[in-house]
Amino acid sequence: MPFSFSVRRWQWLAGLLSLVTLLPLAVILSSFTTIDRDIWSHLGEFVLPRLLGNTAILLGGVGAGVLLLGVPLAWLVAVHDFPGRRFFAWALMLPMAMPAYVLAFAMVGLLDFTGPLQTQLRELAGGPVRFPPIRSIGGVVLVMSLALYPYVYLLARNAFATQGRRALEAAASLGLDRRRGFRRVALPMARPWIIGGLSLALMETLADFGTVAVFNVDTFTTAIYKAWFSLFSLSSAAQLASLLILAVFLLVWLEQHARGRRAYAARAATPLRRLRLGGARGWGAALWAGTVLGVAFVVPFVQLLLWAYEVAAADLDARYWQFTLNSVVLAGLGATMVLLLALLLGYAQRRDRSWPTRLLVRLATLGYAVPGTVLAVGVFVPVAWLDNVLIDHVPALAGQTAVFKGTLVVMLLALAARFCAVGFSPVESAFQRVPPSQEESARLLGVRGMALFRRLYLPQLSGGVLVALLMVFVDIMKEMPITLMTRPFGWDTLAVRVFEMTSEGEWERAALPSVAIVLVGLAPVLLLARERLLQGSRPDKGNESHE
């Protein structure tokens, strides 16, 4: 009998798959049914005010930082021509390859009192030199702004580049020069893309764990970790996580509200004629772009390489290769699991385009907006409950302390919920590129069910499948809080090793696993850069104007 589903069965499948994300969130939001009054009295008096204050400062500071870096750089690269523009167009995305927690300890090592910069300045000055303390909430804002500005840069650059000549020609017809045209025409038109990049950066800020841990700044993510592993109160960790979920939902609502209902488009726009910056202005633009790239990626990465070289002889041992193997195994299993979810969700959406199925698919991909610490708690609670039920009712398990707890199952479920959206996006795009007429023709030839998927869709999905596997693999390699909080005892990864070494202030020993993480992280960034360059590659001759 051919493998086929009715519309209702596709809806059931989408609903079942969405439970991977919705169940942990439901568990977290229902955690207030039991409240430990002693712990919450302590949290309310001593912890929550500090968490709220630090979170507000981080969101405001990082939001301003990524806008001040990302938008001007995007305008500079998209609209102007200057020495090195082609290089900077893709190189300014490189900080995306370096996790913020890696950039954090590299910057602390460079800029701290005992670091090379302050030491050199004291030697040159012949005495003490006043330098802003890097180990502060201001340091966190600086590091996260440098790590996250590519989100705004990438989307804003795409908006500025695709608006075309028509937008700025309209501004010129109103008597506006390029500077005023930017403020009054180009910037408002690019607003949805800029807000999209800003919201991604702010969600990453809310979800961050490793960076604030390096700087010893308390936020909700670190408080959740401490409530679980220091206060040994899983319920308090879940309740703190529920507050963080509410903050994420508020941020999503604010993003939608800020975008508004207006439509922004530049249909059939002609290519933008770049303004050539000559002489000092051109080299000044190159210096500005090079400074941002150097501070955000080149200098920290070189410092990591130097530290890694110093400790390679001692640390490049069997334990390091075990960390690497664990990371690769986890990333491979997680990426495969996410890919299967993405293919099933994509095929369900393809076969049934009704609004319930589309809604369930979107709910299944909601997890990317949820911090890893929240999902770690949300997955662990129902798994622990299931363990207790099985041990109590299955005679063969009597006397056991755990069934699924302390295994890779918890990690993989949390990772699947977190990164399902990352894998689904390229798979969905690949499905959309398959014309419906091809499916109709295949059905007329008697091809149905799994044969239809195998013979028609799978060959055309290969590109999207490979991109999805690569992106999810890299994201799992970099993921810290889920791995740290749900890993089996003694089952460490490169990211966990970085956390352990930075917690002890051993920057040099944290550098070796960090270099491996950054090198792996370069793959999707270079792939994205190549795609953007191919889309936007045009001869510069005849497409420039001189100032």
Protein backbone atom coordinates (compact mmCIF):
# COMPACT_ATOMS: atom_id res chain seq x y z
CA MET A 1 0.00 0.00 0.00
CA PRO A 2 1.54 3.37 -0.95
CA PHE A 3 2.64 5.60 1.89
CA SER A 4 0.17 8.51 1.89
CA PHE A 5 -1.31 10.93 4.35
CA SER A 6 -4.59 12.77 4.37
CA VAL A 7 -4.57 16.47 5.13
CA ARG A 8 -5.59 15.80 8.72
CA ARG A 9 -2.72 13.36 9.18
CA TRP A 10 -0.23 15.94 7.93
CA GLN A 11 -1.62 18.33 10.52
CA TRP A 12 -1.18 15.68 13.20
CA LEU A 13 2.40 15.12 12.07
CA ALA A 14 3.18 18.85 12.20
CA GLY A 15 1.58 19.06 15.64
CA LEU A 16 3.58 16.10 16.91
CA LEU A 17 6.85 17.60 15.66
CA SER A 18 6.01 20.99 17.17
CA LEU A 19 5.94 19.34 20.61
CA VAL A 20 9.75 19.25 20.50
CA THR A 21 9.64 23.02 21.04
CA LEU A 22 6.25 23.60 22.65
CA LEU A 23 6.53 21.02 25.45
CA PRO A 24 9.67 22.56 27.04
CA LEU A 25 8.08 26.02 26.84
CA ALA A 26 4.84 24.75 28.39
CA VAL A 27 6.78 23.09 31.20
CA ILE A 28 8.68 26.31 31.90
CA LEU A 29 5.59 28.53 31.87
CA SER A 30 3.71 26.15 34.20
CA SER A 31 6.55 26.09 36.74
CA PHE A 32 4.92 28.64 39.06
CA THR A 33 2.51 26.00 40.36
CA THR A 34 5.15 25.23 43.01
CA ILE A 35 7.11 28.10 44.54
CA ASP A 36 9.97 27.80 47.03
CA ARG A 37 9.24 30.90 49.14
CA ASP A 38 12.63 30.96 50.88
CA ILE A 39 14.56 30.92 47.62
CA TRP A 40 12.27 33.46 45.99
CA SER A 41 12.54 35.75 48.99
CA HIS A 42 16.31 35.71 48.50
CA LEU A 43 16.02 36.14 44.73
CA GLY A 44 13.51 38.98 44.99
CA GLU A 45 15.54 40.93 47.53
CA PHE A 46 19.10 40.41 46.31
CA VAL A 47 19.08 39.00 42.78
CA LEU A 48 16.16 40.13 40.60
CA PRO A 49 16.79 43.90 40.81
CA ARG A 50 20.39 43.34 39.68
CA LEU A 51 19.31 40.99 36.90
CA LEU A 52 16.73 43.43 35.57
CA GLY A 53 19.16 46.35 35.72
CA ASN A 54 21.98 44.47 33.99
CA THR A 55 19.63 43.12 31.32
CA ALA A 56 18.26 46.59 30.56
CA ILE A 57 21.77 48.05 30.30
CA LEU A 58 22.92 45.23 28.02
CA LEU A 59 19.92 45.48 25.71
CA GLY A 60 20.20 49.26 25.45
CA GLY A 61 23.98 49.30 25.06
CA VAL A 62 24.26 46.42 22.61
CA GLY A 63 21.30 47.71 20.60
CA ALA A 64 22.96 51.11 20.22
CA GLY A 65 26.35 49.51 19.52
CA VAL A 66 25.23 47.21 16.71
CA LEU A 67 23.30 50.04 15.06
CA LEU A 68 26.22 52.47 15.26
CA LEU A 69 28.56 49.87 13.75
CA GLY A 70 26.32 47.93 11.38
CA VAL A 71 24.29 50.63 9.64
CA PRO A 72 27.14 53.04 8.70
CA LEU A 73 29.32 50.16 7.52
CA ALA A 74 26.46 48.78 5.42
CA TRP A 75 25.87 52.20 3.83
CA LEU A 76 29.59 52.68 3.26
CA VAL A 77 30.04 49.33 1.50
CA ALA A 78 26.76 49.32 -0.45
CA VAL A 79 26.77 52.89 -1.73
CA HIS A 80 30.42 53.95 -1.94
CA ASP A 81 33.52 52.70 -3.71
CA PHE A 82 36.82 52.96 -1.89
CA PRO A 83 40.10 51.00 -1.67
CA GLY A 84 39.38 47.45 -0.51
CA ARG A 85 35.59 47.70 -0.77
CA ARG A 86 35.19 44.25 -2.36
CA PHE A 87 37.28 42.69 0.40
CA PHE A 88 35.46 44.45 3.23
CA ALA A 89 32.05 43.61 1.73
CA TRP A 90 32.50 39.99 2.84
CA ALA A 91 35.27 40.30 5.46
CA LEU A 92 33.07 42.43 7.74
CA MET A 93 30.95 39.28 8.24
CA LEU A 94 33.89 37.34 9.74
CA PRO A 95 33.06 38.19 13.39
CA MET A 96 30.04 35.90 12.99
CA ALA A 97 32.50 32.97 13.01
CA MET A 98 33.80 33.85 16.48
CA PRO A 99 31.37 33.13 19.34
CA ALA A 100 30.92 36.09 21.65
CA TYR A 101 32.26 34.09 24.60
CA VAL A 102 35.52 33.48 22.71
CA LEU A 103 35.85 37.14 21.76
CA ALA A 104 35.13 38.00 25.41
CA PHE A 105 38.08 36.24 26.98
CA ALA A 106 40.38 37.25 24.12
CA MET A 107 39.50 40.91 24.74
CA VAL A 108 39.92 40.52 28.50
CA GLY A 109 43.33 38.97 27.97
CA LEU A 110 44.33 41.80 25.64
CA LEU A 111 42.89 44.77 27.55
CA ASP A 112 43.13 43.73 31.20
CA PHE A 113 45.62 45.37 33.58
CA THR A 114 48.16 42.60 33.03
CA GLY A 115 47.43 42.36 29.29
CA PRO A 116 49.88 43.37 26.55
CA LEU A 117 48.16 46.69 25.72
CA GLN A 118 48.17 48.19 29.22
CA THR A 119 51.61 46.76 29.94
CA GLN A 120 53.01 48.42 26.81
CA LEU A 121 51.31 51.73 27.63
CA ARG A 122 52.77 51.73 31.15
CA GLU A 123 56.24 51.08 29.75
CA LEU A 124 55.89 53.92 27.25
CA ALA A 125 54.50 56.33 29.85
CA GLY A 126 56.98 55.29 32.52
CA GLY A 127 54.25 54.93 35.12
CA PRO A 128 50.59 54.09 35.77
CA VAL A 129 48.09 54.71 32.97
CA ARG A 130 44.37 55.17 33.59
CA PHE A 131 42.43 52.76 31.39
CA PRO A 132 38.69 51.97 31.46
CA PRO A 133 38.18 48.60 33.20
CA ILE A 134 37.36 45.91 30.67
CA ARG A 135 35.86 43.61 33.32
CA SER A 136 32.65 45.59 33.64
CA ILE A 137 29.21 45.73 32.11
CA GLY A 138 30.63 48.28 29.68
CA GLY A 139 33.12 45.63 28.58
CA VAL A 140 30.25 43.20 27.94
CA VAL A 141 28.47 45.83 25.82
CA LEU A 142 31.66 46.45 23.81
CA VAL A 143 32.33 42.77 23.16
CA MET A 144 28.76 41.86 22.26
CA SER A 145 28.44 44.88 19.97
CA LEU A 146 31.57 43.78 18.11
CA ALA A 147 30.38 40.17 17.95
CA LEU A 148 26.80 40.90 16.87
CA TYR A 149 27.00 43.93 14.56
CA PRO A 150 27.19 41.61 11.46
CA TYR A 151 23.49 40.80 11.93
CA VAL A 152 22.61 44.46 11.30
CA TYR A 153 25.39 44.97 8.74
CA LEU A 154 24.35 42.02 6.57
CA LEU A 155 20.64 42.83 6.42
CA ALA A 156 21.12 46.59 6.10
CA ARG A 157 23.70 46.17 3.33
CA ASN A 158 21.32 43.94 1.42
CA ALA A 159 18.56 46.54 1.80
CA PHE A 160 20.75 49.44 0.68
CA ALA A 161 22.15 47.46 -2.26
CA THR A 162 18.75 46.27 -3.54
CA GLN A 163 16.96 49.61 -3.23
CA GLY A 164 18.70 50.62 -6.41
CA ARG A 165 19.26 53.96 -7.97
CA ARG A 166 15.58 54.88 -7.98
CA ALA A 167 15.39 55.66 -4.25
CA LEU A 168 18.33 58.05 -4.20
CA GLU A 169 17.35 59.58 -7.55
CA ALA A 170 13.99 60.38 -5.99
CA ALA A 171 15.85 62.04 -3.12
CA ALA A 172 17.99 64.01 -5.59
CA SER A 173 14.85 65.21 -7.38
CA LEU A 174 13.76 66.69 -4.06
CA GLY A 175 17.03 68.57 -3.80
CA LEU A 176 18.58 66.22 -1.24
CA ASP A 177 22.25 65.33 -1.33
CA ARG A 178 23.42 61.78 -0.54
CA ARG A 179 23.76 62.43 3.17
CA ARG A 180 20.25 63.81 3.56
CA GLY A 181 18.96 61.23 1.08
CA PHE A 182 20.35 58.55 3.37
CA ARG A 183 18.56 59.97 6.41
CA ARG A 184 15.24 60.79 4.77
CA VAL A 185 14.87 58.13 2.04
CA ALA A 186 17.27 55.18 2.24
CA LEU A 187 17.20 54.73 6.02
CA PRO A 188 13.38 54.67 6.31
CA MET A 189 13.15 52.23 3.40
CA ALA A 190 15.70 49.92 5.02
CA ARG A 191 13.99 50.10 8.40
CA PRO A 192 12.39 46.61 8.34
CA TRP A 193 15.74 44.97 7.56
CA ILE A 194 17.58 47.02 10.17
CA ILE A 195 14.98 46.19 12.80
CA GLY A 196 15.22 42.52 11.82
CA GLY A 197 18.99 42.53 12.33
CA LEU A 198 18.63 44.47 15.58
CA SER A 199 16.08 42.01 16.94
CA LEU A 200 18.39 39.07 16.17
CA ALA A 201 21.24 40.81 17.99
CA LEU A 202 19.05 41.58 21.01
CA MET A 203 17.76 37.99 21.16
CA GLU A 204 21.35 36.76 21.12
CA THR A 205 22.09 39.23 23.93
CA LEU A 206 19.22 37.87 26.04
CA ALA A 207 20.32 34.29 25.32
CA ASP A 208 24.02 34.84 25.99
CA PHE A 209 25.61 32.83 28.77
CA GLY A 210 29.32 32.46 28.08
CA THR A 211 30.16 36.14 27.56
CA VAL A 212 28.55 37.42 30.75
CA ALA A 213 30.12 34.49 32.63
CA VAL A 214 33.59 35.61 31.49
CA PHE A 215 32.92 39.13 32.77
CA ASN A 216 31.17 37.85 35.91
CA VAL A 217 28.08 39.96 35.14
CA ASP A 218 24.84 38.46 36.42
CA THR A 219 21.97 38.08 33.94
CA PHE A 220 18.99 35.76 33.75
CA THR A 221 20.99 33.07 31.96
CA THR A 222 23.68 32.91 34.66
CA ALA A 223 21.02 33.09 37.38
CA ILE A 224 19.21 30.08 35.87
CA TYR A 225 22.48 28.13 35.85
CA LYS A 226 23.25 29.07 39.49
CA ALA A 227 19.71 28.28 40.67
CA TRP A 228 20.03 24.78 39.22
CA PHE A 229 23.64 23.91 40.00
CA SER A 230 24.38 26.06 43.09
CA LEU A 231 21.01 26.32 44.87
CA PHE A 232 19.98 22.86 43.56
CA SER A 233 16.47 24.17 42.88
CA LEU A 234 15.27 23.07 39.47
CA SER A 235 11.86 24.69 40.08
CA SER A 236 13.47 28.08 40.77
CA ALA A 237 15.58 27.71 37.64
CA ALA A 238 12.40 27.01 35.66
CA GLN A 239 10.64 30.03 37.16
CA LEU A 240 13.56 32.31 36.30
CA ALA A 241 13.51 30.80 32.82
CA SER A 242 9.83 31.69 32.49
CA LEU A 243 10.65 35.35 33.16
CA LEU A 244 13.27 35.19 30.41
CA ILE A 245 10.70 33.68 28.01
CA LEU A 246 8.37 36.59 28.75
CA ALA A 247 11.22 38.99 27.94
CA VAL A 248 11.81 37.20 24.62
CA PHE A 249 8.10 37.35 23.72
CA LEU A 250 8.05 41.06 24.62
CA LEU A 251 11.05 41.63 22.36
CA VAL A 252 9.34 39.81 19.47
CA TRP A 253 6.20 41.90 19.97
CA LEU A 254 8.20 45.13 20.03
CA GLU A 255 9.93 44.09 16.80
CA GLN A 256 6.62 43.50 15.04
CA HIS A 257 5.26 46.79 16.39
CA ALA A 258 8.38 48.69 15.30
CA ARG A 259 8.16 47.29 11.78
CA GLY A 260 4.62 48.61 11.49
CA ARG A 261 2.24 47.77 8.67
CA ARG A 262 3.81 49.87 5.97
CA ALA A 263 5.17 48.16 2.88
CA TYR A 264 8.69 48.87 1.73
CA ALA A 265 9.69 48.01 -1.79
CA ALA A 266 11.82 49.11 -4.70
CA ARG A 267 10.49 47.09 -7.58
CA ALA A 268 12.66 46.51 -10.60
CA ALA A 269 15.26 48.84 -9.16
CA THR A 270 18.30 49.51 -11.31
CA PRO A 271 21.72 48.83 -9.79
CA LEU A 272 22.94 51.47 -7.39
CA ARG A 273 25.61 53.72 -8.85
CA ARG A 274 28.35 53.80 -6.25
CA LEU A 275 29.98 57.04 -5.23
CA ARG A 276 33.75 56.80 -5.60
CA LEU A 277 35.56 58.20 -2.58
CA GLY A 278 38.93 59.45 -3.71
CA GLY A 279 42.06 60.51 -1.91
CA ALA A 280 41.96 60.90 1.86
CA ARG A 281 38.23 60.16 2.09
CA GLY A 282 38.63 56.83 0.34
CA TRP A 283 41.54 55.76 2.51
CA GLY A 284 39.70 57.04 5.58
CA ALA A 285 36.74 54.80 4.73
CA ALA A 286 39.09 51.83 4.30
CA LEU A 287 40.76 52.67 7.63
CA TRP A 288 37.39 52.77 9.42
CA ALA A 289 36.26 49.42 7.98
CA GLY A 290 39.67 47.90 8.66
CA THR A 291 39.68 49.12 12.26
CA VAL A 292 36.31 47.53 12.99
CA LEU A 293 37.37 44.27 11.34
CA GLY A 294 40.71 44.29 13.15
CA VAL A 295 39.23 44.90 16.60
CA ALA A 296 36.29 42.53 16.14
CA PHE A 297 38.10 39.60 14.52
CA VAL A 298 41.71 39.86 13.30
CA VAL A 299 43.48 40.97 16.50
CA PRO A 300 41.53 38.61 18.82
CA PHE A 301 42.05 35.68 16.45
CA VAL A 302 45.79 36.35 16.19
CA GLN A 303 45.93 36.48 19.99
CA LEU A 304 44.13 33.13 20.17
CA LEU A 305 46.64 31.62 17.75
CA LEU A 306 49.57 32.89 19.83
CA TRP A 307 48.10 31.52 23.04
CA ALA A 308 47.24 28.20 21.38
CA TYR A 309 50.81 27.89 20.10
CA GLU A 310 52.16 28.42 23.63
CA VAL A 311 50.13 25.57 25.14
CA ALA A 312 49.87 23.24 22.13
CA ALA A 313 52.73 21.00 23.25
CA ALA A 314 51.14 20.40 26.65
CA ASP A 315 47.41 20.50 25.85
CA LEU A 316 47.27 18.84 22.43
CA ASP A 317 46.85 15.43 24.03
CA ALA A 318 44.36 12.58 24.12
CA ARG A 319 41.92 14.61 26.24
CA TYR A 320 41.81 17.39 23.65
CA TRP A 321 41.09 14.94 20.86
CA GLN A 322 38.36 13.40 23.03
CA PHE A 323 36.78 16.85 23.45
CA THR A 324 36.95 17.27 19.68
CA LEU A 325 35.46 13.83 19.02
CA ASN A 326 32.63 14.48 21.49
CA SER A 327 31.90 17.81 19.79
CA VAL A 328 31.85 16.26 16.31
CA VAL A 329 29.66 13.33 17.41
CA LEU A 330 27.19 15.63 19.17
CA ALA A 331 27.08 18.09 16.27
CA GLY A 332 26.69 15.27 13.74
CA LEU A 333 23.86 13.57 15.63
CA GLY A 334 22.16 16.87 16.37
CA ALA A 335 22.42 18.10 12.79
CA THR A 336 21.01 14.80 11.49
CA MET A 337 18.10 14.96 13.93
CA VAL A 338 17.33 18.57 13.04
CA LEU A 339 17.54 17.77 9.32
CA LEU A 340 14.99 14.96 9.67
CA LEU A 341 12.66 17.31 11.56
CA ALA A 342 13.15 20.00 8.92
CA LEU A 343 12.44 17.61 6.03
CA LEU A 344 9.28 16.28 7.69
CA LEU A 345 8.06 19.79 8.51
CA GLY A 346 8.86 21.05 5.03
CA TYR A 347 7.12 18.12 3.35
CA ALA A 348 4.10 18.45 5.65
CA GLN A 349 3.83 22.13 4.76
CA ARG A 350 4.22 21.30 1.07
CA ARG A 351 1.50 18.65 1.10
CA ASP A 352 -0.92 20.64 3.26
CA ARG A 353 -0.94 24.43 2.90
CA SER A 354 -3.82 25.01 5.32
CA TRP A 355 -3.32 27.59 8.05
CA PRO A 356 -3.29 25.06 10.94
CA THR A 357 -0.35 23.23 9.40
CA ARG A 358 1.50 26.46 8.63
CA LEU A 359 0.93 27.65 12.20
CA LEU A 360 2.18 24.38 13.69
CA VAL A 361 5.28 24.50 11.49
CA ARG A 362 6.04 28.04 12.70
CA LEU A 363 5.54 26.98 16.31
CA ALA A 364 7.96 24.10 15.77
CA THR A 365 10.64 26.58 14.70
CA LEU A 366 10.04 28.97 17.61
CA GLY A 367 12.90 27.54 19.66
CA TYR A 368 15.63 29.63 18.03
CA ALA A 369 14.24 32.68 19.82
CA VAL A 370 14.48 30.88 23.18
CA PRO A 371 17.77 30.96 25.15
CA GLY A 372 19.64 27.68 25.52
CA THR A 373 19.48 27.81 29.33
CA VAL A 374 15.68 27.93 29.13
CA LEU A 375 15.45 24.95 26.78
CA ALA A 376 17.92 22.98 28.90
CA VAL A 377 15.62 23.34 31.92
CA GLY A 378 12.46 22.86 29.85
CA VAL A 379 13.67 19.55 28.39
CA PHE A 380 15.23 18.20 31.58
CA VAL A 381 12.04 18.56 33.67
CA PRO A 382 9.76 16.31 31.53
CA VAL A 383 12.59 13.83 30.92
CA ALA A 384 13.15 13.56 34.69
CA TRP A 385 9.40 13.03 35.19
CA LEU A 386 9.39 10.32 32.48
CA ASP A 387 12.35 8.62 34.17
CA ASN A 388 10.49 8.48 37.48
CA VAL A 389 7.36 7.06 35.83
CA LEU A 390 9.32 4.35 34.03
CA ILE A 391 11.31 3.37 37.12
CA ASP A 392 8.11 3.17 39.21
CA HIS A 393 6.09 1.13 36.71
CA VAL A 394 8.58 -1.00 34.77
CA PRO A 395 9.84 -3.88 36.94
CA ALA A 396 12.99 -4.33 34.86
CA LEU A 397 14.03 -0.76 35.78
CA ALA A 398 13.47 -1.13 39.52
CA GLY A 399 16.42 0.19 41.47
CA GLN A 400 17.69 2.38 38.63
CA THR A 401 18.29 6.06 39.37
CA ALA A 402 17.89 7.26 35.78
CA VAL A 403 16.86 6.06 32.34
CA PHE A 404 17.25 9.04 30.02
CA LYS A 405 18.76 11.57 32.42
CA GLY A 406 22.50 11.78 32.05
CA THR A 407 22.42 10.58 28.44
CA LEU A 408 22.72 12.28 25.07
CA VAL A 409 18.93 12.15 24.70
CA VAL A 410 18.38 15.27 26.82
CA MET A 411 21.05 17.21 24.96
CA LEU A 412 19.78 16.18 21.53
CA LEU A 413 16.17 17.09 22.32
CA ALA A 414 17.19 20.53 23.61
CA LEU A 415 19.48 21.11 20.63
CA ALA A 416 16.76 20.03 18.20
CA ALA A 417 14.32 22.48 19.76
CA ARG A 418 16.91 25.28 19.68
CA PHE A 419 18.16 24.85 16.12
CA CYS A 420 15.16 23.47 14.24
CA ALA A 421 14.61 26.91 12.68
CA VAL A 422 18.22 27.02 11.46
CA GLY A 423 17.80 23.75 9.59
CA PHE A 424 14.26 24.44 8.43
CA SER A 425 14.97 27.76 6.70
CA PRO A 426 17.22 26.43 3.86
CA VAL A 427 15.09 23.28 3.52
CA GLU A 428 11.92 25.37 3.18
CA SER A 429 13.60 27.53 0.54
CA ALA A 430 14.62 24.40 -1.37
CA PHE A 431 11.04 23.06 -1.26
CA GLN A 432 9.76 26.38 -2.63
CA ARG A 433 12.05 26.08 -5.64
CA VAL A 434 10.31 22.87 -6.77
CA PRO A 435 7.49 23.91 -9.16
CA PRO A 436 4.06 22.44 -8.28
CA SER A 437 3.70 21.44 -11.93
CA GLN A 438 6.46 18.84 -11.47
CA GLU A 439 4.53 17.17 -8.66
CA GLU A 440 1.36 17.17 -10.76
CA SER A 441 3.24 15.55 -13.65
CA ALA A 442 4.73 12.91 -11.35
CA ARG A 443 1.29 12.05 -9.96
CA LEU A 444 -0.08 11.66 -13.48
CA LEU A 445 2.70 9.12 -14.05
CA GLY A 446 1.60 7.21 -10.94
CA VAL A 447 4.41 8.34 -8.62
CA ARG A 448 3.04 8.86 -5.10
CA GLY A 449 3.88 8.62 -1.42
CA MET A 450 7.49 8.13 -0.42
CA ALA A 451 8.43 7.37 -4.02
CA LEU A 452 7.32 10.91 -4.90
CA PHE A 453 9.51 12.35 -2.16
CA ARG A 454 12.47 10.14 -3.05
CA ARG A 455 12.37 10.59 -6.83
CA LEU A 456 11.11 14.16 -7.20
CA TYR A 457 11.95 16.18 -4.12
CA LEU A 458 15.10 14.65 -2.66
CA PRO A 459 17.35 15.25 -5.71
CA GLN A 460 16.26 18.90 -5.84
CA LEU A 461 16.62 19.40 -2.08
CA SER A 462 20.28 18.36 -1.94
CA GLY A 463 21.63 21.92 -1.92
CA GLY A 464 19.31 23.05 0.87
CA VAL A 465 19.99 19.84 2.82
CA LEU A 466 23.76 20.38 2.71
CA VAL A 467 23.43 24.02 3.78
CA ALA A 468 21.10 23.01 6.64
CA LEU A 469 23.49 20.29 7.82
CA LEU A 470 26.45 22.67 7.73
CA MET A 471 24.72 25.51 9.55
CA VAL A 472 23.26 23.32 12.30
CA PHE A 473 26.54 21.40 12.71
CA VAL A 474 28.45 24.63 13.27
CA ASP A 475 25.85 26.12 15.61
CA ILE A 476 25.90 22.99 17.79
CA MET A 477 29.71 23.04 17.85
CA LYS A 478 29.52 26.58 19.26
CA GLU A 479 26.57 26.03 21.62
CA MET A 480 27.61 26.33 25.26
CA PRO A 481 24.70 26.49 27.79
CA ILE A 482 22.69 23.49 26.56
CA THR A 483 25.81 21.31 26.37
CA LEU A 484 27.09 22.52 29.73
CA MET A 485 23.81 22.00 31.59
CA THR A 486 22.59 18.70 30.07
CA ARG A 487 25.74 16.73 29.17
CA PRO A 488 26.39 13.30 30.66
CA PHE A 489 28.89 13.31 33.51
CA GLY A 490 32.43 13.62 32.18
CA TRP A 491 31.24 14.04 28.58
CA ASP A 492 32.90 17.34 27.71
CA THR A 493 33.03 19.21 24.41
CA LEU A 494 35.24 21.99 23.08
CA ALA A 495 32.72 24.63 24.21
CA VAL A 496 32.56 23.13 27.71
CA ARG A 497 36.36 23.10 27.84
CA VAL A 498 36.40 26.81 26.96
CA PHE A 499 33.94 27.51 29.79
CA GLU A 500 35.98 25.55 32.32
CA MET A 501 39.26 27.24 31.40
CA THR A 502 37.83 30.76 31.27
CA SER A 503 36.12 30.20 34.63
CA GLU A 504 39.61 29.63 36.06
CA GLY A 505 41.10 32.58 34.18
CA GLU A 506 43.37 30.36 32.06
CA TRP A 507 43.01 32.22 28.78
CA GLU A 508 45.94 30.45 27.13
CA ARG A 509 44.49 26.99 27.73
CA ALA A 510 41.05 28.14 26.55
CA ALA A 511 42.57 29.32 23.27
CA LEU A 512 43.26 25.90 21.77
CA PRO A 513 39.63 24.66 21.72
CA SER A 514 38.51 28.19 20.78
CA VAL A 515 40.66 28.19 17.64
CA ALA A 516 39.03 24.93 16.55
CA ILE A 517 35.55 26.40 17.14
CA VAL A 518 36.37 29.55 15.16
CA LEU A 519 37.84 27.59 12.24
CA VAL A 520 34.70 25.46 12.05
CA GLY A 521 32.58 28.60 12.35
CA LEU A 522 34.27 30.13 9.31
CA ALA A 523 32.65 27.59 6.97
CA PRO A 524 29.07 28.96 6.93
CA VAL A 525 30.31 32.56 7.01
CA LEU A 526 32.46 32.01 3.91
CA LEU A 527 29.58 30.14 2.25
CA LEU A 528 27.26 33.05 2.98
CA ALA A 529 29.86 35.55 1.78
CA ARG A 530 30.32 33.61 -1.47
CA GLU A 531 26.57 33.54 -2.08
CA ARG A 532 26.26 37.27 -1.45
CA LEU A 533 29.22 38.06 -3.69
CA LEU A 534 27.81 35.94 -6.51
CA GLN A 535 24.44 37.65 -6.18
CA GLY A 536 25.90 41.11 -6.08
CA SER A 537 28.88 40.77 -8.43
CA ARG A 538 28.78 43.35 -11.18
CA PRO A 539 31.54 45.18 -12.99
CA ASP A 540 32.31 48.45 -11.25
CA LYS A 541 33.10 50.23 -14.51
CA GLY A 542 30.20 52.30 -15.69
CA ASN A 543 28.50 51.80 -12.35
CA GLU A 544 30.25 54.51 -10.42
CA SER A 545 30.04 58.24 -9.97
CA HIS A 546 32.77 60.52 -8.73
CA GLU A 547 32.35 62.93 -5.92
